[in-house]
Amino acid sequence: MSEDAFRPNRLALVPPGSAEIHAADMTATFAADLCLDSLPIPENLWLPIDCDGDGNTAIGGLVEQNSTGPLRLGFGGWRDLLLGCQYLDGHDRLITVGGRTMKNVAGYDLTKWMIGQRGIFGRIVTITTRLYLRPTAAYLAEFYPDVAFFHSLLLSDCRPQWAIVNSHSLYCGYLGDQPAIDYFDKQLRRFQPIRWRHHSFQADEQFRRLHWRIASEWKMRASLPPSRIIDFVNSAALAHWVADPAFGLVISAADAASMEPVRKAAAAFGAAATFEGPGTFHWSPPDDQRDVLERLKRSLDPDQRLAPLPWKASPHEFPTATTAG
């Protein structure tokens, strides 16, 4: 008799569309289908995650894509925030990994395994994540788009909690309580920002949402050394782009004409570039990443019971033109 015959069916920690908040230990369990904008978090708590969409992306999808955003600089990415998850494997068994406590793993940490795997190894059902106290004040400083200057700012006493660079500006954001913001306001003047302002936490969220996005159905993402961002953008002739100067992530509009210049620039500057379109099955990873995922999938899923490899599910069909904002 199989092992499954002795094991009762397990249930998801929370049903679809719901959440369980543990305010005392600042953790929460969310159903994977909840959208980032609709998370039922108490007003004094906060999940520090940005996405480059409109906030209607399911949170499980953000984990599977390892999509975080500029707040990673001050608060970490999914590898830092995610404490546990539940997912369905290729046999539709519900697997639980990790948990609510910070130290909850003996052996392999399969929670980290699920970050960025895009449904290839399993489909996430629930996630358990840590929360932060919600900041009460915010400050925004704008500089010229100089990545080298930004790196010197990182080593100073004015290290920001997030940063965004585009073709015309470098934006640095500061979050905290009012005394902390007053301190940054005073100290940042020596770095000669172009513009600066105090604003609310809500205004800071709106600003990041407006600037950390590309209004295009098809997108290119490139990961490279932060010091090479501007060189890469110029070499690839990117017209509409935004980047995280702390971690070297560049997002741009994409179409068929941009694919080859981006790949040539990626090879020249040590970047890993991917192209993404509508739906999961249009993800195009670089060759080395593709090879690793295919070998892992063959090793762990010889019967091909997990999700299909996305780049084999359908051909790439880029639009002939891209509208970006």
C-alpha atoms as a PDB file:
ATOM      1  CA  MET A   1       0.000   0.000   0.000  1.00  0.00           C
ATOM      2  CA  SER A   2       1.333   3.453  -0.895  1.00  0.00           C
ATOM      3  CA  GLU A   3       2.403   6.016   1.642  1.00  0.00           C
ATOM      4  CA  ASP A   4      -0.439   8.313   0.548  1.00  0.00           C
ATOM      5  CA  ALA A   5      -3.002   5.726   1.699  1.00  0.00           C
ATOM      6  CA  PHE A   6      -1.955   6.296   5.321  1.00  0.00           C
ATOM      7  CA  ARG A   7      -1.761  10.069   5.152  1.00  0.00           C
ATOM      8  CA  PRO A   8      -4.975  12.074   5.310  1.00  0.00           C
ATOM      9  CA  ASN A   9      -5.516  14.916   2.865  1.00  0.00           C
ATOM     10  CA  ARG A  10      -4.024  18.103   4.197  1.00  0.00           C
ATOM     11  CA  LEU A  11      -5.820  21.438   4.127  1.00  0.00           C
ATOM     12  CA  ALA A  12      -4.539  24.859   3.188  1.00  0.00           C
ATOM     13  CA  LEU A  13      -3.708  27.025   6.203  1.00  0.00           C
ATOM     14  CA  VAL A  14      -6.176  29.629   4.940  1.00  0.00           C
ATOM     15  CA  PRO A  15      -8.900  29.229   2.284  1.00  0.00           C
ATOM     16  CA  PRO A  16      -8.685  31.099  -1.047  1.00  0.00           C
ATOM     17  CA  GLY A  17      -9.198  34.828  -0.770  1.00  0.00           C
ATOM     18  CA  SER A  18      -8.444  35.002   2.948  1.00  0.00           C
ATOM     19  CA  ALA A  19      -5.617  35.660   5.400  1.00  0.00           C
ATOM     20  CA  GLU A  20      -4.612  35.052   8.988  1.00  0.00           C
ATOM     21  CA  ILE A  21      -2.760  37.890  10.708  1.00  0.00           C
ATOM     22  CA  HIS A  22      -0.598  37.256  13.781  1.00  0.00           C
ATOM     23  CA  ALA A  23      -0.020  40.834  14.882  1.00  0.00           C
ATOM     24  CA  ALA A  24       1.778  39.927  18.120  1.00  0.00           C
ATOM     25  CA  ASP A  25       4.679  38.247  16.320  1.00  0.00           C
ATOM     26  CA  MET A  26       4.322  40.399  13.162  1.00  0.00           C
ATOM     27  CA  THR A  27       3.660  37.572  10.732  1.00  0.00           C
ATOM     28  CA  ALA A  28       0.791  36.735   8.402  1.00  0.00           C
ATOM     29  CA  THR A  29      -0.431  33.863   6.237  1.00  0.00           C
ATOM     30  CA  PHE A  30      -2.050  34.852   2.945  1.00  0.00           C
ATOM     31  CA  ALA A  31      -3.886  32.848   0.317  1.00  0.00           C
ATOM     32  CA  ALA A  32      -1.827  32.987  -2.866  1.00  0.00           C
ATOM     33  CA  ASP A  33      -4.712  34.419  -4.898  1.00  0.00           C
ATOM     34  CA  LEU A  34      -4.898  37.638  -2.852  1.00  0.00           C
ATOM     35  CA  CYS A  35      -3.701  40.734  -4.703  1.00  0.00           C
ATOM     36  CA  LEU A  36      -1.051  43.016  -3.258  1.00  0.00           C
ATOM     37  CA  ASP A  37      -3.493  45.922  -2.978  1.00  0.00           C
ATOM     38  CA  SER A  38      -6.132  43.880  -1.141  1.00  0.00           C
ATOM     39  CA  LEU A  39      -4.065  42.301   1.641  1.00  0.00           C
ATOM     40  CA  PRO A  40      -6.046  42.633   4.904  1.00  0.00           C
ATOM     41  CA  ILE A  41      -3.173  43.941   7.021  1.00  0.00           C
ATOM     42  CA  PRO A  42      -3.775  46.093  10.140  1.00  0.00           C
ATOM     43  CA  GLU A  43      -3.057  49.796   9.654  1.00  0.00           C
ATOM     44  CA  ASN A  44       0.028  49.748  11.881  1.00  0.00           C
ATOM     45  CA  LEU A  45       1.656  46.861   9.991  1.00  0.00           C
ATOM     46  CA  TRP A  46       3.023  46.582   6.464  1.00  0.00           C
ATOM     47  CA  LEU A  47       4.347  44.114   3.901  1.00  0.00           C
ATOM     48  CA  PRO A  48       7.214  46.000   2.155  1.00  0.00           C
ATOM     49  CA  ILE A  49       6.791  44.690  -1.397  1.00  0.00           C
ATOM     50  CA  ASP A  50       6.523  46.663  -4.615  1.00  0.00           C
ATOM     51  CA  CYS A  51       5.610  45.291  -8.007  1.00  0.00           C
ATOM     52  CA  ASP A  52       5.990  46.762 -11.482  1.00  0.00           C
ATOM     53  CA  GLY A  53       2.300  46.363 -12.277  1.00  0.00           C
ATOM     54  CA  ASP A  54      -0.861  47.954 -10.974  1.00  0.00           C
ATOM     55  CA  GLY A  55      -1.065  46.071  -7.681  1.00  0.00           C
ATOM     56  CA  ASN A  56      -3.584  43.538  -8.991  1.00  0.00           C
ATOM     57  CA  THR A  57      -1.041  40.742  -9.365  1.00  0.00           C
ATOM     58  CA  ALA A  58      -1.723  37.752  -7.107  1.00  0.00           C
ATOM     59  CA  ILE A  59       0.775  37.618  -4.273  1.00  0.00           C
ATOM     60  CA  GLY A  60       1.589  33.971  -4.995  1.00  0.00           C
ATOM     61  CA  GLY A  61       2.588  35.030  -8.499  1.00  0.00           C
ATOM     62  CA  LEU A  62       4.914  37.676  -7.075  1.00  0.00           C
ATOM     63  CA  VAL A  63       6.691  34.973  -5.063  1.00  0.00           C
ATOM     64  CA  GLU A  64       6.884  32.603  -8.031  1.00  0.00           C
ATOM     65  CA  GLN A  65       8.366  35.403 -10.169  1.00  0.00           C
ATOM     66  CA  ASN A  66      10.568  36.681  -7.308  1.00  0.00           C
ATOM     67  CA  SER A  67       9.143  40.146  -7.937  1.00  0.00           C
ATOM     68  CA  THR A  68       9.953  42.577  -5.134  1.00  0.00           C
ATOM     69  CA  GLY A  69      10.924  46.088  -6.228  1.00  0.00           C
ATOM     70  CA  PRO A  70      12.949  49.044  -4.876  1.00  0.00           C
ATOM     71  CA  LEU A  71      11.967  48.416  -1.230  1.00  0.00           C
ATOM     72  CA  ARG A  72      14.322  45.428  -1.303  1.00  0.00           C
ATOM     73  CA  LEU A  73      17.145  47.846  -0.415  1.00  0.00           C
ATOM     74  CA  GLY A  74      15.708  48.731   2.983  1.00  0.00           C
ATOM     75  CA  PHE A  75      13.560  45.724   3.868  1.00  0.00           C
ATOM     76  CA  GLY A  76      14.795  42.735   1.869  1.00  0.00           C
ATOM     77  CA  GLY A  77      13.229  40.645  -0.879  1.00  0.00           C
ATOM     78  CA  TRP A  78      11.125  37.494  -0.761  1.00  0.00           C
ATOM     79  CA  ARG A  79      14.116  35.448   0.430  1.00  0.00           C
ATOM     80  CA  ASP A  80      14.163  37.673   3.528  1.00  0.00           C
ATOM     81  CA  LEU A  81      10.402  38.053   4.030  1.00  0.00           C
ATOM     82  CA  LEU A  82       9.039  34.593   3.255  1.00  0.00           C
ATOM     83  CA  LEU A  83       8.886  32.264   6.270  1.00  0.00           C
ATOM     84  CA  GLY A  84       6.902  29.406   4.774  1.00  0.00           C
ATOM     85  CA  CYS A  85       4.483  28.384   2.056  1.00  0.00           C
ATOM     86  CA  GLN A  86       2.193  25.623   0.857  1.00  0.00           C
ATOM     87  CA  TYR A  87       2.190  24.414  -2.712  1.00  0.00           C
ATOM     88  CA  LEU A  88       0.685  21.707  -4.900  1.00  0.00           C
ATOM     89  CA  ASP A  89       3.213  19.332  -6.415  1.00  0.00           C
ATOM     90  CA  GLY A  90       2.863  17.454  -9.700  1.00  0.00           C
ATOM     91  CA  HIS A  91       0.585  14.849  -8.071  1.00  0.00           C
ATOM     92  CA  ASP A  92      -1.718  17.554  -6.610  1.00  0.00           C
ATOM     93  CA  ARG A  93      -0.448  16.850  -3.110  1.00  0.00           C
ATOM     94  CA  LEU A  94      -0.397  19.813  -0.759  1.00  0.00           C
ATOM     95  CA  ILE A  95       3.146  20.279   0.559  1.00  0.00           C
ATOM     96  CA  THR A  96       3.872  22.528   3.554  1.00  0.00           C
ATOM     97  CA  VAL A  97       7.352  23.986   4.025  1.00  0.00           C
ATOM     98  CA  GLY A  98       8.588  26.460   6.642  1.00  0.00           C
ATOM     99  CA  GLY A  99       6.295  28.074   9.172  1.00  0.00           C
ATOM    100  CA  ARG A 100       5.615  31.154  11.268  1.00  0.00           C
ATOM    101  CA  THR A 101       8.804  31.092  13.338  1.00  0.00           C
ATOM    102  CA  MET A 102      12.045  32.654  12.117  1.00  0.00           C
ATOM    103  CA  LYS A 103      14.070  29.451  12.740  1.00  0.00           C
ATOM    104  CA  ASN A 104      11.940  26.667  11.345  1.00  0.00           C
ATOM    105  CA  VAL A 105      14.116  24.604   8.999  1.00  0.00           C
ATOM    106  CA  ALA A 106      16.180  21.460   9.567  1.00  0.00           C
ATOM    107  CA  GLY A 107      17.891  20.316   6.378  1.00  0.00           C
ATOM    108  CA  TYR A 108      16.994  21.827   3.017  1.00  0.00           C
ATOM    109  CA  ASP A 109      15.070  25.098   3.123  1.00  0.00           C
ATOM    110  CA  LEU A 110      12.372  24.335   0.544  1.00  0.00           C
ATOM    111  CA  THR A 111      10.700  27.685   1.189  1.00  0.00           C
ATOM    112  CA  LYS A 112      13.534  29.426  -0.667  1.00  0.00           C
ATOM    113  CA  TRP A 113      13.219  26.783  -3.389  1.00  0.00           C
ATOM    114  CA  MET A 114       9.779  28.121  -4.310  1.00  0.00           C
ATOM    115  CA  ILE A 115      10.919  31.718  -4.833  1.00  0.00           C
ATOM    116  CA  GLY A 116      11.327  32.583  -8.492  1.00  0.00           C
ATOM    117  CA  GLN A 117      10.491  29.083  -9.782  1.00  0.00           C
ATOM    118  CA  ARG A 118       7.506  30.360 -11.821  1.00  0.00           C
ATOM    119  CA  GLY A 119       5.304  27.361 -11.116  1.00  0.00           C
ATOM    120  CA  ILE A 120       7.754  24.902 -12.644  1.00  0.00           C
ATOM    121  CA  PHE A 121       8.244  22.915  -9.415  1.00  0.00           C
ATOM    122  CA  GLY A 122       4.815  23.531  -7.888  1.00  0.00           C
ATOM    123  CA  ARG A 123       1.936  25.968  -7.670  1.00  0.00           C
ATOM    124  CA  ILE A 124       1.889  28.088  -4.506  1.00  0.00           C
ATOM    125  CA  VAL A 125      -1.347  27.944  -2.468  1.00  0.00           C
ATOM    126  CA  THR A 126      -0.490  29.966   0.670  1.00  0.00           C
ATOM    127  CA  ILE A 127       2.466  32.022   1.866  1.00  0.00           C
ATOM    128  CA  THR A 128       3.554  32.937   5.389  1.00  0.00           C
ATOM    129  CA  THR A 129       5.578  36.115   5.625  1.00  0.00           C
ATOM    130  CA  ARG A 130       6.959  38.499   8.186  1.00  0.00           C
ATOM    131  CA  LEU A 131       5.526  42.016   8.515  1.00  0.00           C
ATOM    132  CA  TYR A 132       7.059  45.353   9.459  1.00  0.00           C
ATOM    133  CA  LEU A 133       5.761  48.282  11.450  1.00  0.00           C
ATOM    134  CA  ARG A 134       4.227  50.749   9.045  1.00  0.00           C
ATOM    135  CA  PRO A 135       6.369  53.924   8.676  1.00  0.00           C
ATOM    136  CA  THR A 136       4.702  57.127   9.786  1.00  0.00           C
ATOM    137  CA  ALA A 137       6.707  59.616   7.712  1.00  0.00           C
ATOM    138  CA  ALA A 138       8.567  59.746   4.406  1.00  0.00           C
ATOM    139  CA  TYR A 139      11.079  61.887   2.554  1.00  0.00           C
ATOM    140  CA  LEU A 140      12.040  62.017  -1.128  1.00  0.00           C
ATOM    141  CA  ALA A 141      15.301  63.334  -2.591  1.00  0.00           C
ATOM    142  CA  GLU A 142      15.996  63.687  -6.318  1.00  0.00           C
ATOM    143  CA  PHE A 143      19.511  63.674  -7.804  1.00  0.00           C
ATOM    144  CA  TYR A 144      21.060  63.521 -11.245  1.00  0.00           C
ATOM    145  CA  PRO A 145      21.072  59.923 -12.642  1.00  0.00           C
ATOM    146  CA  ASP A 146      24.604  59.097 -11.488  1.00  0.00           C
ATOM    147  CA  VAL A 147      24.904  55.471 -10.305  1.00  0.00           C
ATOM    148  CA  ALA A 148      28.461  56.031  -8.995  1.00  0.00           C
ATOM    149  CA  PHE A 149      27.174  58.868  -6.810  1.00  0.00           C
ATOM    150  CA  PHE A 150      24.408  56.595  -5.544  1.00  0.00           C
ATOM    151  CA  HIS A 151      26.931  53.991  -4.412  1.00  0.00           C
ATOM    152  CA  SER A 152      28.762  56.633  -2.391  1.00  0.00           C
ATOM    153  CA  LEU A 153      25.420  57.557  -0.814  1.00  0.00           C
ATOM    154  CA  LEU A 154      24.966  53.911   0.210  1.00  0.00           C
ATOM    155  CA  LEU A 155      28.162  54.098   2.261  1.00  0.00           C
ATOM    156  CA  SER A 156      27.142  57.276   4.046  1.00  0.00           C
ATOM    157  CA  ASP A 157      24.845  57.951   6.992  1.00  0.00           C
ATOM    158  CA  CYS A 158      22.128  58.800   4.438  1.00  0.00           C
ATOM    159  CA  ARG A 159      21.548  55.327   3.017  1.00  0.00           C
ATOM    160  CA  PRO A 160      17.998  55.318   1.579  1.00  0.00           C
ATOM    161  CA  GLN A 161      15.327  52.659   2.056  1.00  0.00           C
ATOM    162  CA  TRP A 162      14.657  52.556  -1.691  1.00  0.00           C
ATOM    163  CA  ALA A 163      16.054  54.006  -4.908  1.00  0.00           C
ATOM    164  CA  ILE A 164      14.945  54.266  -8.549  1.00  0.00           C
ATOM    165  CA  VAL A 165      16.956  55.569 -11.495  1.00  0.00           C
ATOM    166  CA  ASN A 166      15.766  56.376 -15.005  1.00  0.00           C
ATOM    167  CA  SER A 167      17.119  58.402 -17.906  1.00  0.00           C
ATOM    168  CA  HIS A 168      16.634  61.779 -16.212  1.00  0.00           C
ATOM    169  CA  SER A 169      16.674  61.301 -12.411  1.00  0.00           C
ATOM    170  CA  LEU A 170      17.856  59.284  -9.443  1.00  0.00           C
ATOM    171  CA  TYR A 171      15.181  59.125  -6.739  1.00  0.00           C
ATOM    172  CA  CYS A 172      16.034  58.131  -3.166  1.00  0.00           C
ATOM    173  CA  GLY A 173      13.316  57.448  -0.615  1.00  0.00           C
ATOM    174  CA  TYR A 174      13.498  57.516   3.169  1.00  0.00           C
ATOM    175  CA  LEU A 175      10.905  55.922   5.463  1.00  0.00           C
ATOM    176  CA  GLY A 176      10.609  55.943   9.244  1.00  0.00           C
ATOM    177  CA  ASP A 177       9.274  58.030  12.114  1.00  0.00           C
ATOM    178  CA  GLN A 178       9.380  61.812  12.125  1.00  0.00           C
ATOM    179  CA  PRO A 179      12.683  62.201  14.061  1.00  0.00           C
ATOM    180  CA  ALA A 180      14.439  59.911  11.555  1.00  0.00           C
ATOM    181  CA  ILE A 181      13.020  61.851   8.611  1.00  0.00           C
ATOM    182  CA  ASP A 182      14.075  65.169  10.176  1.00  0.00           C
ATOM    183  CA  TYR A 183      17.599  63.781  10.538  1.00  0.00           C
ATOM    184  CA  PHE A 184      17.768  62.771   6.861  1.00  0.00           C
ATOM    185  CA  ASP A 185      16.376  66.143   5.824  1.00  0.00           C
ATOM    186  CA  LYS A 186      19.244  67.881   7.602  1.00  0.00           C
ATOM    187  CA  GLN A 187      22.049  65.517   6.548  1.00  0.00           C
ATOM    188  CA  LEU A 188      21.068  65.155   2.883  1.00  0.00           C
ATOM    189  CA  ARG A 189      21.626  68.828   2.131  1.00  0.00           C
ATOM    190  CA  ARG A 190      25.383  68.238   1.934  1.00  0.00           C
ATOM    191  CA  PHE A 191      24.802  65.875  -1.015  1.00  0.00           C
ATOM    192  CA  GLN A 192      23.115  68.715  -2.931  1.00  0.00           C
ATOM    193  CA  PRO A 193      19.899  67.099  -4.174  1.00  0.00           C
ATOM    194  CA  ILE A 194      18.130  68.759  -7.089  1.00  0.00           C
ATOM    195  CA  ARG A 195      14.810  68.648  -5.267  1.00  0.00           C
ATOM    196  CA  TRP A 196      13.573  67.260  -1.967  1.00  0.00           C
ATOM    197  CA  ARG A 197      10.366  67.117  -0.001  1.00  0.00           C
ATOM    198  CA  HIS A 198       8.638  65.692   3.055  1.00  0.00           C
ATOM    199  CA  HIS A 199       5.557  63.715   2.169  1.00  0.00           C
ATOM    200  CA  SER A 200       3.255  61.094   3.628  1.00  0.00           C
ATOM    201  CA  PHE A 201       3.723  57.335   3.575  1.00  0.00           C
ATOM    202  CA  GLN A 202       0.734  57.079   1.219  1.00  0.00           C
ATOM    203  CA  ALA A 203       2.306  59.634  -1.153  1.00  0.00           C
ATOM    204  CA  ASP A 204       5.537  57.661  -1.091  1.00  0.00           C
ATOM    205  CA  GLU A 205       3.672  54.488  -2.095  1.00  0.00           C
ATOM    206  CA  GLN A 206       1.990  56.306  -4.954  1.00  0.00           C
ATOM    207  CA  PHE A 207       5.290  57.753  -6.148  1.00  0.00           C
ATOM    208  CA  ARG A 208       6.984  54.339  -6.226  1.00  0.00           C
ATOM    209  CA  ARG A 209       4.022  52.814  -8.022  1.00  0.00           C
ATOM    210  CA  LEU A 210       4.087  55.546 -10.654  1.00  0.00           C
ATOM    211  CA  HIS A 211       7.837  55.380 -11.287  1.00  0.00           C
ATOM    212  CA  TRP A 212       8.589  51.670 -10.785  1.00  0.00           C
ATOM    213  CA  ARG A 213       6.631  50.447 -13.757  1.00  0.00           C
ATOM    214  CA  ILE A 214       6.724  50.207 -17.540  1.00  0.00           C
ATOM    215  CA  ALA A 215       3.364  50.651 -19.269  1.00  0.00           C
ATOM    216  CA  SER A 216       3.948  47.904 -21.805  1.00  0.00           C
ATOM    217  CA  GLU A 217       2.356  44.494 -22.277  1.00  0.00           C
ATOM    218  CA  TRP A 218       5.766  42.978 -23.093  1.00  0.00           C
ATOM    219  CA  LYS A 219       8.759  43.673 -20.885  1.00  0.00           C
ATOM    220  CA  MET A 220      12.445  42.988 -20.689  1.00  0.00           C
ATOM    221  CA  ARG A 221      14.182  42.414 -17.361  1.00  0.00           C
ATOM    222  CA  ALA A 222      17.937  42.421 -17.044  1.00  0.00           C
ATOM    223  CA  SER A 223      20.083  41.721 -14.002  1.00  0.00           C
ATOM    224  CA  LEU A 224      23.651  43.023 -14.125  1.00  0.00           C
ATOM    225  CA  PRO A 225      26.313  44.736 -11.981  1.00  0.00           C
ATOM    226  CA  PRO A 226      24.802  48.056 -10.850  1.00  0.00           C
ATOM    227  CA  SER A 227      27.808  50.026 -12.099  1.00  0.00           C
ATOM    228  CA  ARG A 228      27.040  48.895 -15.676  1.00  0.00           C
ATOM    229  CA  ILE A 229      23.397  50.015 -15.779  1.00  0.00           C
ATOM    230  CA  ILE A 230      23.873  53.154 -17.882  1.00  0.00           C
ATOM    231  CA  ASP A 231      26.349  51.461 -20.228  1.00  0.00           C
ATOM    232  CA  PHE A 232      23.932  48.569 -20.743  1.00  0.00           C
ATOM    233  CA  VAL A 233      20.968  50.858 -21.378  1.00  0.00           C
ATOM    234  CA  ASN A 234      22.921  52.866 -23.956  1.00  0.00           C
ATOM    235  CA  SER A 235      24.322  49.772 -25.676  1.00  0.00           C
ATOM    236  CA  ALA A 236      20.879  48.135 -25.902  1.00  0.00           C
ATOM    237  CA  ALA A 237      19.340  51.427 -27.120  1.00  0.00           C
ATOM    238  CA  LEU A 238      16.536  51.231 -24.542  1.00  0.00           C
ATOM    239  CA  ALA A 239      14.067  54.088 -24.919  1.00  0.00           C
ATOM    240  CA  HIS A 240      11.746  53.464 -21.957  1.00  0.00           C
ATOM    241  CA  TRP A 241      13.414  51.956 -18.922  1.00  0.00           C
ATOM    242  CA  VAL A 242      13.690  52.109 -15.138  1.00  0.00           C
ATOM    243  CA  ALA A 243      16.296  50.505 -12.883  1.00  0.00           C
ATOM    244  CA  ASP A 244      17.128  49.639  -9.292  1.00  0.00           C
ATOM    245  CA  PRO A 245      20.627  51.119  -8.821  1.00  0.00           C
ATOM    246  CA  ALA A 246      21.247  49.091  -5.657  1.00  0.00           C
ATOM    247  CA  PHE A 247      20.794  45.638  -7.210  1.00  0.00           C
ATOM    248  CA  GLY A 248      21.241  46.233 -10.944  1.00  0.00           C
ATOM    249  CA  LEU A 249      17.736  45.310 -12.100  1.00  0.00           C
ATOM    250  CA  VAL A 250      16.639  47.026 -15.324  1.00  0.00           C
ATOM    251  CA  ILE A 251      13.061  46.890 -16.647  1.00  0.00           C
ATOM    252  CA  SER A 252      12.204  48.084 -20.134  1.00  0.00           C
ATOM    253  CA  ALA A 253       9.497  47.892 -22.760  1.00  0.00           C
ATOM    254  CA  ALA A 254      10.133  45.051 -25.221  1.00  0.00           C
ATOM    255  CA  ASP A 255       9.231  44.117 -28.769  1.00  0.00           C
ATOM    256  CA  ALA A 256      10.657  41.929 -31.510  1.00  0.00           C
ATOM    257  CA  ALA A 257      13.096  44.604 -32.690  1.00  0.00           C
ATOM    258  CA  SER A 258      14.629  45.078 -29.229  1.00  0.00           C
ATOM    259  CA  MET A 259      15.348  41.411 -28.537  1.00  0.00           C
ATOM    260  CA  GLU A 260      18.641  41.026 -30.431  1.00  0.00           C
ATOM    261  CA  PRO A 261      20.216  44.360 -29.282  1.00  0.00           C
ATOM    262  CA  VAL A 262      19.345  43.477 -25.688  1.00  0.00           C
ATOM    263  CA  ARG A 263      20.922  40.026 -25.970  1.00  0.00           C
ATOM    264  CA  LYS A 264      24.111  41.473 -27.483  1.00  0.00           C
ATOM    265  CA  ALA A 265      24.323  44.106 -24.743  1.00  0.00           C
ATOM    266  CA  ALA A 266      23.634  41.461 -22.087  1.00  0.00           C
ATOM    267  CA  ALA A 267      26.513  39.328 -23.379  1.00  0.00           C
ATOM    268  CA  ALA A 268      28.835  42.341 -23.408  1.00  0.00           C
ATOM    269  CA  PHE A 269      28.035  43.576 -19.906  1.00  0.00           C
ATOM    270  CA  GLY A 270      27.512  40.325 -17.987  1.00  0.00           C
ATOM    271  CA  ALA A 271      23.747  40.718 -17.751  1.00  0.00           C
ATOM    272  CA  ALA A 272      21.056  38.048 -17.520  1.00  0.00           C
ATOM    273  CA  ALA A 273      18.127  39.256 -19.660  1.00  0.00           C
ATOM    274  CA  THR A 274      14.638  37.754 -19.859  1.00  0.00           C
ATOM    275  CA  PHE A 275      11.577  38.675 -21.909  1.00  0.00           C
ATOM    276  CA  GLU A 276       8.081  38.424 -20.502  1.00  0.00           C
ATOM    277  CA  GLY A 277       4.675  38.761 -22.115  1.00  0.00           C
ATOM    278  CA  PRO A 278       1.037  38.042 -21.303  1.00  0.00           C
ATOM    279  CA  GLY A 279       0.665  34.855 -19.259  1.00  0.00           C
ATOM    280  CA  THR A 280       3.246  32.577 -17.684  1.00  0.00           C
ATOM    281  CA  PHE A 281       4.178  30.739 -20.870  1.00  0.00           C
ATOM    282  CA  HIS A 282       6.012  33.551 -22.599  1.00  0.00           C
ATOM    283  CA  TRP A 283       8.975  33.717 -20.228  1.00  0.00           C
ATOM    284  CA  SER A 284      12.301  33.404 -22.046  1.00  0.00           C
ATOM    285  CA  PRO A 285      15.236  32.768 -19.673  1.00  0.00           C
ATOM    286  CA  PRO A 286      18.901  33.041 -20.665  1.00  0.00           C
ATOM    287  CA  ASP A 287      20.476  29.786 -21.887  1.00  0.00           C
ATOM    288  CA  ASP A 288      22.444  29.023 -18.710  1.00  0.00           C
ATOM    289  CA  GLN A 289      19.384  29.535 -16.483  1.00  0.00           C
ATOM    290  CA  ARG A 290      17.286  27.457 -18.864  1.00  0.00           C
ATOM    291  CA  ASP A 291      19.803  24.611 -18.680  1.00  0.00           C
ATOM    292  CA  VAL A 292      19.853  24.597 -14.865  1.00  0.00           C
ATOM    293  CA  LEU A 293      16.040  24.570 -14.623  1.00  0.00           C
ATOM    294  CA  GLU A 294      15.692  21.815 -17.220  1.00  0.00           C
ATOM    295  CA  ARG A 295      18.223  19.579 -15.432  1.00  0.00           C
ATOM    296  CA  LEU A 296      16.573  20.197 -12.053  1.00  0.00           C
ATOM    297  CA  LYS A 297      13.153  19.470 -13.480  1.00  0.00           C
ATOM    298  CA  ARG A 298      14.291  16.216 -15.130  1.00  0.00           C
ATOM    299  CA  SER A 299      15.924  15.126 -11.869  1.00  0.00           C
ATOM    300  CA  LEU A 300      12.969  15.932  -9.606  1.00  0.00           C
ATOM    301  CA  ASP A 301      10.111  15.348 -12.022  1.00  0.00           C
ATOM    302  CA  PRO A 302      11.036  12.503 -14.405  1.00  0.00           C
ATOM    303  CA  ASP A 303       7.372  11.838 -15.215  1.00  0.00           C
ATOM    304  CA  GLN A 304       6.758  15.497 -16.153  1.00  0.00           C
ATOM    305  CA  ARG A 305       3.970  15.844 -13.599  1.00  0.00           C
ATOM    306  CA  LEU A 306       4.790  19.410 -12.616  1.00  0.00           C
ATOM    307  CA  ALA A 307       4.027  22.524 -14.642  1.00  0.00           C
ATOM    308  CA  PRO A 308       5.334  22.476 -18.231  1.00  0.00           C
ATOM    309  CA  LEU A 309       8.520  24.341 -18.958  1.00  0.00           C
ATOM    310  CA  PRO A 310       7.171  27.759 -19.988  1.00  0.00           C
ATOM    311  CA  TRP A 311       9.492  28.309 -22.925  1.00  0.00           C
ATOM    312  CA  LYS A 312       8.308  25.007 -24.458  1.00  0.00           C
ATOM    313  CA  ALA A 313       4.589  25.624 -23.996  1.00  0.00           C
ATOM    314  CA  SER A 314       4.082  28.068 -26.849  1.00  0.00           C
ATOM    315  CA  PRO A 315       6.168  30.048 -29.350  1.00  0.00           C
ATOM    316  CA  HIS A 316       7.180  33.616 -28.630  1.00  0.00           C
ATOM    317  CA  GLU A 317       5.040  36.073 -30.504  1.00  0.00           C
ATOM    318  CA  PHE A 318       6.206  39.592 -29.826  1.00  0.00           C
ATOM    319  CA  PRO A 319       4.017  42.478 -30.937  1.00  0.00           C
ATOM    320  CA  THR A 320       5.284  44.567 -33.824  1.00  0.00           C
ATOM    321  CA  ALA A 321       5.178  47.749 -31.769  1.00  0.00           C
ATOM    322  CA  THR A 322       5.246  48.610 -28.095  1.00  0.00           C
ATOM    323  CA  THR A 323       3.615  51.522 -26.344  1.00  0.00           C
ATOM    324  CA  ALA A 324       5.437  52.587 -23.203  1.00  0.00           C
ATOM    325  CA  GLY A 325       4.985  55.364 -20.744  1.00  0.00           C
END
